[in-house]
């Protein structure tokens, strides 16, 4: 489960850099699919906005780079926890806390910034990361319980 979370964080981090190629590819893929026209229009608007930001040398794209970096740092955290997951159970708990608080941030900031309310659902979908983490937490608790020397684990 920790591999799934780490992979998701990694992919969501590195996909910010080729944004122009990605958006253009998705838009061209959706071309001619009538039922997906609203999505295609939304993505065309997003692409137009991103290109305008790039032309203005906007600080917003630099902020996106730092967001991607944060995803990569969190990827490293979960990968390091894989080495000894029982001793690093706090990493799993931290991940659950972060996942479950994403919707609170979205509910607060989306209207505050004037972003379309639909994005609350998009951003809140990141809370689904809690599912593999809760499964990992359950499994780690079983491993903790079955460890031959629980006191040795607690002392580190």
Protein backbone atom coordinates (compact mmCIF):
# COMPACT_ATOMS: atom_id res chain seq x y z
CA UNK A 1 0.00 0.00 0.00
CA UNK A 2 2.89 2.36 0.72
CA UNK A 3 4.21 1.69 -2.79
CA UNK A 4 0.84 2.76 -4.23
CA UNK A 5 0.90 6.01 -2.25
CA UNK A 6 4.53 6.72 -3.16
CA UNK A 7 3.85 6.06 -6.85
CA UNK A 8 0.80 8.33 -6.81
CA UNK A 9 2.74 11.14 -5.18
CA UNK A 10 5.60 10.73 -7.64
CA UNK A 11 3.33 10.78 -10.70
CA UNK A 12 1.35 13.77 -9.43
CA UNK A 13 4.63 15.57 -8.77
CA UNK A 14 6.46 15.03 -12.04
CA UNK A 15 3.46 15.58 -14.31
CA UNK A 16 3.44 19.34 -13.66
CA UNK A 17 6.52 19.97 -15.78
CA UNK A 18 5.24 18.70 -19.16
CA UNK A 19 1.84 20.40 -18.61
CA UNK A 20 1.64 21.97 -22.08
CA UNK A 21 2.25 18.67 -23.87
CA UNK A 22 -0.14 16.81 -21.55
CA UNK A 23 -2.99 19.27 -21.94
CA UNK A 24 -2.56 19.45 -25.72
CA UNK A 25 -2.57 15.65 -25.95
CA UNK A 26 -5.72 15.26 -23.84
CA UNK A 27 -7.53 18.02 -25.74
CA UNK A 28 -6.71 16.42 -29.10
CA UNK A 29 -7.79 13.01 -27.76
CA UNK A 30 -11.17 14.43 -26.71
CA UNK A 31 -11.69 16.11 -30.08
CA UNK A 32 -14.92 14.92 -31.69
CA UNK A 33 -16.31 13.14 -28.60
CA UNK A 34 -19.52 15.12 -28.12
CA UNK A 35 -20.31 13.89 -24.63
CA UNK A 36 -16.91 15.09 -23.39
CA UNK A 37 -17.10 18.52 -25.06
CA UNK A 38 -17.61 20.37 -21.72
CA UNK A 39 -14.43 18.76 -20.39
CA UNK A 40 -12.56 19.57 -23.60
CA UNK A 41 -13.68 23.22 -23.38
CA UNK A 42 -12.57 23.43 -19.76
CA UNK A 43 -9.16 22.00 -20.63
CA UNK A 44 -8.78 24.39 -23.59
CA UNK A 45 -9.49 27.28 -21.22
CA UNK A 46 -6.97 25.92 -18.74
CA UNK A 47 -4.35 25.56 -21.49
CA UNK A 48 -5.02 29.12 -22.64
CA UNK A 49 -4.65 30.42 -19.09
CA UNK A 50 -1.43 28.46 -18.53
CA UNK A 51 0.06 29.75 -21.79
CA UNK A 52 -0.85 33.31 -20.78
CA UNK A 53 0.87 32.77 -17.43
CA UNK A 54 3.97 31.48 -19.17
CA UNK A 55 4.05 34.49 -21.48
CA UNK A 56 3.86 36.84 -18.50
CA UNK A 57 6.64 34.87 -16.77
CA UNK A 58 4.23 34.34 -13.92
CA UNK A 59 5.22 33.46 -10.41
CA UNK A 60 2.25 31.04 -10.35
CA UNK A 61 4.10 28.49 -12.48
CA UNK A 62 7.06 28.73 -10.10
CA UNK A 63 4.68 27.97 -7.23
CA UNK A 64 3.52 24.90 -9.18
CA UNK A 65 7.16 23.80 -9.40
CA UNK A 66 7.43 23.98 -5.62
CA UNK A 67 4.19 22.01 -5.25
CA UNK A 68 5.68 19.33 -7.50
CA UNK A 69 8.84 19.35 -5.36
CA UNK A 70 6.72 18.86 -2.22
CA UNK A 71 5.12 15.81 -3.85
CA UNK A 72 8.57 14.39 -4.55
CA UNK A 73 9.70 15.01 -0.96
CA UNK A 74 6.62 13.20 0.33
CA UNK A 75 7.37 10.38 -2.11
CA UNK A 76 10.80 10.03 -0.51
CA UNK A 77 9.21 10.00 2.96
CA UNK A 78 6.95 7.06 2.07
CA UNK A 79 9.77 5.22 0.31
CA UNK A 80 11.95 5.56 3.40
CA UNK A 81 9.08 4.29 5.56
CA UNK A 82 9.06 1.12 3.45
CA UNK A 83 12.42 0.17 4.91
CA UNK A 84 10.88 -0.47 8.34
CA UNK A 85 7.16 0.26 8.18
CA UNK A 86 6.37 -0.84 11.75
CA UNK A 87 8.89 1.59 13.22
CA UNK A 88 7.72 4.29 10.78
CA UNK A 89 4.01 3.91 11.47
CA UNK A 90 3.84 7.65 12.19
CA UNK A 91 4.52 8.31 8.49
CA UNK A 92 1.39 6.33 7.66
CA UNK A 93 -0.65 8.19 10.28
CA UNK A 94 0.71 11.49 8.96
CA UNK A 95 -0.34 10.51 5.43
CA UNK A 96 -3.86 9.69 6.62
CA UNK A 97 -4.13 13.03 8.40
CA UNK A 98 -2.92 14.90 5.31
CA UNK A 99 -5.26 12.98 3.00
CA UNK A 100 -8.33 13.57 5.13
CA UNK A 101 -7.68 17.29 5.57
CA UNK A 102 -7.37 18.01 1.82
CA UNK A 103 -11.17 18.47 1.47
CA UNK A 104 -11.12 21.04 4.30
CA UNK A 105 -8.53 23.07 2.42
CA UNK A 106 -10.50 22.77 -0.82
CA UNK A 107 -13.80 23.80 0.80
CA UNK A 108 -12.06 26.80 2.33
CA UNK A 109 -9.78 27.99 -0.46
CA UNK A 110 -11.70 27.25 -3.67
CA UNK A 111 -14.46 29.83 -2.95
CA UNK A 112 -11.95 32.20 -1.35
CA UNK A 113 -9.86 32.31 -4.54
CA UNK A 114 -12.86 32.48 -6.90
CA UNK A 115 -12.09 29.09 -8.46
CA UNK A 116 -15.10 27.22 -9.93
CA UNK A 117 -16.77 25.17 -7.20
CA UNK A 118 -16.33 22.00 -9.28
CA UNK A 119 -12.68 22.03 -8.20
CA UNK A 120 -13.72 21.22 -4.63
CA UNK A 121 -14.61 17.74 -5.91
CA UNK A 122 -11.44 17.43 -7.95
CA UNK A 123 -9.18 18.47 -5.08
CA UNK A 124 -11.13 16.43 -2.53
CA UNK A 125 -10.50 13.30 -4.58
CA UNK A 126 -6.99 13.32 -3.13
CA UNK A 127 -8.58 12.20 0.14
CA UNK A 128 -8.93 8.78 -1.51
CA UNK A 129 -5.23 8.34 -0.73
CA UNK A 130 -6.39 7.57 2.81
CA UNK A 131 -7.78 4.20 1.63
CA UNK A 132 -4.45 2.46 0.94
CA UNK A 133 -2.96 4.18 3.98
CA UNK A 134 -5.74 2.89 6.25
CA UNK A 135 -5.17 -0.60 4.85
CA UNK A 136 -1.44 -0.20 5.54
CA UNK A 137 -2.16 1.03 9.07
CA UNK A 138 -4.36 -2.00 9.74
CA UNK A 139 -1.65 -4.34 8.48
CA UNK A 140 1.06 -2.56 10.47
CA UNK A 141 -0.96 -2.88 13.65
CA UNK A 142 -1.21 -6.64 13.02
CA UNK A 143 2.55 -6.81 12.48
CA UNK A 144 3.11 -4.83 15.68
CA UNK A 145 0.87 -7.18 17.64
CA UNK A 146 2.58 -10.29 16.25
CA UNK A 147 6.14 -8.99 16.70
CA UNK A 148 8.18 -11.36 18.89
CA UNK A 149 9.58 -8.57 21.08
CA UNK A 150 7.08 -5.68 21.22
CA UNK A 151 9.12 -3.86 23.89
CA UNK A 152 12.18 -3.86 21.62
CA UNK A 153 10.12 -2.25 18.84
CA UNK A 154 8.79 0.42 21.19
CA UNK A 155 12.30 1.34 22.38
CA UNK A 156 13.55 1.64 18.79
